[in-house]
Amino acid sequence: MDWTLEVIVLPVSDIGRAVAFYRDQVGFHLDHDTQTEQMHVVQLTPRGSGCSIVIGDLPAQNEMAPGSMRGLQLVVSDAKAAREELLSRGVEASEIVTFDARDGGTFFGFSDPDGNSWAVQELRVRAEKPLIPLEARGRFGGDD
């Protein structure tokens, strides 16, 4: 039996600001934005990822301090291009650091407006072998 990690709850102080940051600046896909009288929950997914982030105001989410998530990790096939994309969208990103010349040893980072921090690792092999094949992407089989 597979056990897949598919959602990470991300604590934020302002849901609208977080949606704008992750959707418009970082480029995550907005899966859903559900608001009722009792709650507001939003799910966003990085392109090519099987794991999403969820932000909102449910009791369990309110137990975590905004900005308290550290070192969440994204993987890209080209760190330089990914960093340039973020910078062009107004995201502050650290310089690229190569700890090891082998594939997987290059990183940079960024933080959201609350201070939740992300490491971005370059795995060049992902250009030829995506973790999730193109035909299997999206919640409904396409690249949605």
Protein backbone atom coordinates (compact mmCIF):
# COMPACT_ATOMS: atom_id res chain seq x y z
CA MET A 1 0.00 0.00 0.00
CA ASP A 2 1.31 3.45 -0.95
CA TRP A 3 1.27 6.23 1.64
CA THR A 4 1.47 9.52 -0.20
CA LEU A 5 2.05 12.93 1.29
CA GLU A 6 -0.41 15.15 -0.53
CA VAL A 7 -1.16 18.17 1.70
CA ILE A 8 0.89 20.37 4.01
CA VAL A 9 -0.95 22.86 6.19
CA LEU A 10 0.81 26.21 6.04
CA PRO A 11 0.13 28.73 8.82
CA VAL A 12 -0.42 32.28 7.58
CA SER A 13 -1.80 35.47 9.11
CA ASP A 14 -3.69 36.75 6.07
CA ILE A 15 -5.31 34.23 3.71
CA GLY A 16 -5.83 36.69 0.83
CA ARG A 17 -2.24 37.93 0.96
CA ALA A 18 -0.95 34.33 1.07
CA VAL A 19 -3.09 33.32 -1.93
CA ALA A 20 -1.81 36.31 -3.91
CA PHE A 21 1.79 35.44 -3.01
CA TYR A 22 1.65 31.71 -3.78
CA ARG A 23 -0.62 31.95 -6.84
CA ASP A 24 0.51 35.20 -8.47
CA GLN A 25 4.15 35.46 -7.43
CA VAL A 26 5.36 31.91 -6.85
CA GLY A 27 3.11 30.42 -9.54
CA PHE A 28 1.27 27.69 -7.64
CA HIS A 29 -2.03 26.50 -9.16
CA LEU A 30 -5.15 27.50 -7.18
CA ASP A 31 -7.00 24.20 -6.72
CA HIS A 32 -9.86 25.60 -4.66
CA ASP A 33 -10.83 28.53 -2.47
CA THR A 34 -13.72 27.51 -0.22
CA GLN A 35 -15.36 30.03 2.05
CA THR A 36 -18.44 29.56 4.24
CA GLU A 37 -19.75 31.31 7.33
CA GLN A 38 -17.70 28.87 9.44
CA MET A 39 -14.39 28.69 7.58
CA HIS A 40 -12.11 29.74 4.74
CA VAL A 41 -9.75 27.10 3.26
CA VAL A 42 -7.56 27.39 0.15
CA GLN A 43 -5.51 24.69 -1.56
CA LEU A 44 -2.66 25.48 -3.95
CA THR A 45 -0.29 23.12 -5.76
CA PRO A 46 3.14 23.75 -7.28
CA ARG A 47 3.31 22.85 -11.00
CA GLY A 48 4.26 19.20 -11.37
CA SER A 49 3.78 18.37 -7.69
CA GLY A 50 1.70 15.67 -6.06
CA CYS A 51 1.69 17.62 -2.80
CA SER A 52 -0.30 20.79 -2.14
CA ILE A 53 -0.32 23.45 0.52
CA VAL A 54 -3.50 24.34 2.40
CA ILE A 55 -4.03 27.67 4.11
CA GLY A 56 -7.06 28.69 6.07
CA ASP A 57 -8.68 29.39 9.38
CA LEU A 58 -9.80 25.99 10.65
CA PRO A 59 -9.07 25.34 14.35
CA ALA A 60 -6.08 23.05 13.65
CA GLN A 61 -4.60 25.68 11.33
CA ASN A 62 -5.05 28.40 13.94
CA GLU A 63 -3.02 26.36 16.45
CA MET A 64 0.16 26.95 14.43
CA ALA A 65 1.90 30.32 14.52
CA PRO A 66 1.97 32.12 11.16
CA GLY A 67 5.42 31.82 9.65
CA SER A 68 6.44 28.84 11.80
CA MET A 69 7.10 26.39 8.94
CA ARG A 70 10.79 26.22 8.09
CA GLY A 71 12.69 24.47 5.34
CA LEU A 72 9.85 23.22 3.17
CA GLN A 73 11.51 22.01 0.00
CA LEU A 74 10.68 22.40 -3.67
CA VAL A 75 12.64 20.73 -6.48
CA VAL A 76 13.30 22.27 -9.91
CA SER A 77 15.35 21.14 -12.91
CA ASP A 78 17.08 24.53 -13.27
CA ALA A 79 17.78 26.61 -10.16
CA LYS A 80 18.99 29.66 -12.09
CA ALA A 81 15.84 29.82 -14.25
CA ALA A 82 13.58 29.17 -11.25
CA ARG A 83 15.24 31.90 -9.20
CA GLU A 84 15.02 34.36 -12.11
CA GLU A 85 11.32 33.55 -12.51
CA LEU A 86 10.66 34.27 -8.84
CA LEU A 87 12.69 37.48 -8.90
CA SER A 88 10.79 38.66 -11.99
CA ARG A 89 7.55 38.17 -10.05
CA GLY A 90 8.77 40.20 -7.08
CA VAL A 91 9.77 37.34 -4.78
CA GLU A 92 12.95 37.93 -2.78
CA ALA A 93 15.20 34.89 -3.19
CA SER A 94 18.61 34.10 -1.77
CA GLU A 95 21.66 33.63 -3.93
CA ILE A 96 22.21 30.17 -5.40
CA VAL A 97 24.63 28.01 -3.41
CA THR A 98 26.25 24.82 -4.65
CA PHE A 99 27.22 22.54 -1.77
CA ASP A 100 28.11 19.64 -4.06
CA ALA A 101 28.71 19.67 -7.84
CA ARG A 102 26.73 16.45 -8.25
CA ASP A 103 23.06 16.69 -9.18
CA GLY A 104 21.03 17.70 -6.14
CA GLY A 105 23.72 19.80 -4.47
CA THR A 106 22.52 23.24 -5.62
CA PHE A 107 20.00 25.31 -3.62
CA PHE A 108 18.47 28.72 -3.07
CA GLY A 109 15.65 29.85 -0.80
CA PHE A 110 12.78 32.24 -0.29
CA SER A 111 10.17 33.04 2.35
CA ASP A 112 6.51 34.00 2.18
CA PRO A 113 5.20 37.26 3.69
CA ASP A 114 4.73 35.55 7.08
CA GLY A 115 8.23 34.05 7.15
CA ASN A 116 7.45 30.43 6.23
CA SER A 117 10.68 29.41 4.50
CA TRP A 118 11.33 27.32 1.43
CA ALA A 119 14.48 25.67 0.09
CA VAL A 120 14.61 25.14 -3.67
CA GLN A 121 16.83 22.25 -4.76
CA GLU A 122 18.07 21.76 -8.30
CA LEU A 123 17.77 18.22 -9.62
CA ARG A 124 18.72 18.46 -13.30
CA VAL A 125 17.46 14.92 -13.87
CA ARG A 126 13.89 16.24 -13.42
CA ALA A 127 14.14 17.87 -16.87
CA GLU A 128 14.22 14.41 -18.50
CA LYS A 129 12.48 12.41 -15.77
CA PRO A 130 9.78 14.43 -13.99
CA LEU A 131 8.68 12.95 -10.70
CA ILE A 132 5.10 12.94 -11.98
CA PRO A 133 4.86 12.27 -15.74
CA LEU A 134 3.11 14.99 -17.75
CA GLU A 135 0.19 12.70 -18.61
CA ALA A 136 -0.46 11.97 -14.93
CA ARG A 137 -0.47 15.56 -13.66
CA GLY A 138 -3.35 17.44 -12.18
CA ARG A 139 -6.19 16.36 -9.99
CA PHE A 140 -8.23 15.15 -12.96
CA GLY A 141 -5.58 13.67 -15.24
CA GLY A 142 -4.59 16.74 -17.27
CA ASP A 143 -2.16 19.51 -16.42
CA ASP A 144 -4.79 21.45 -14.49
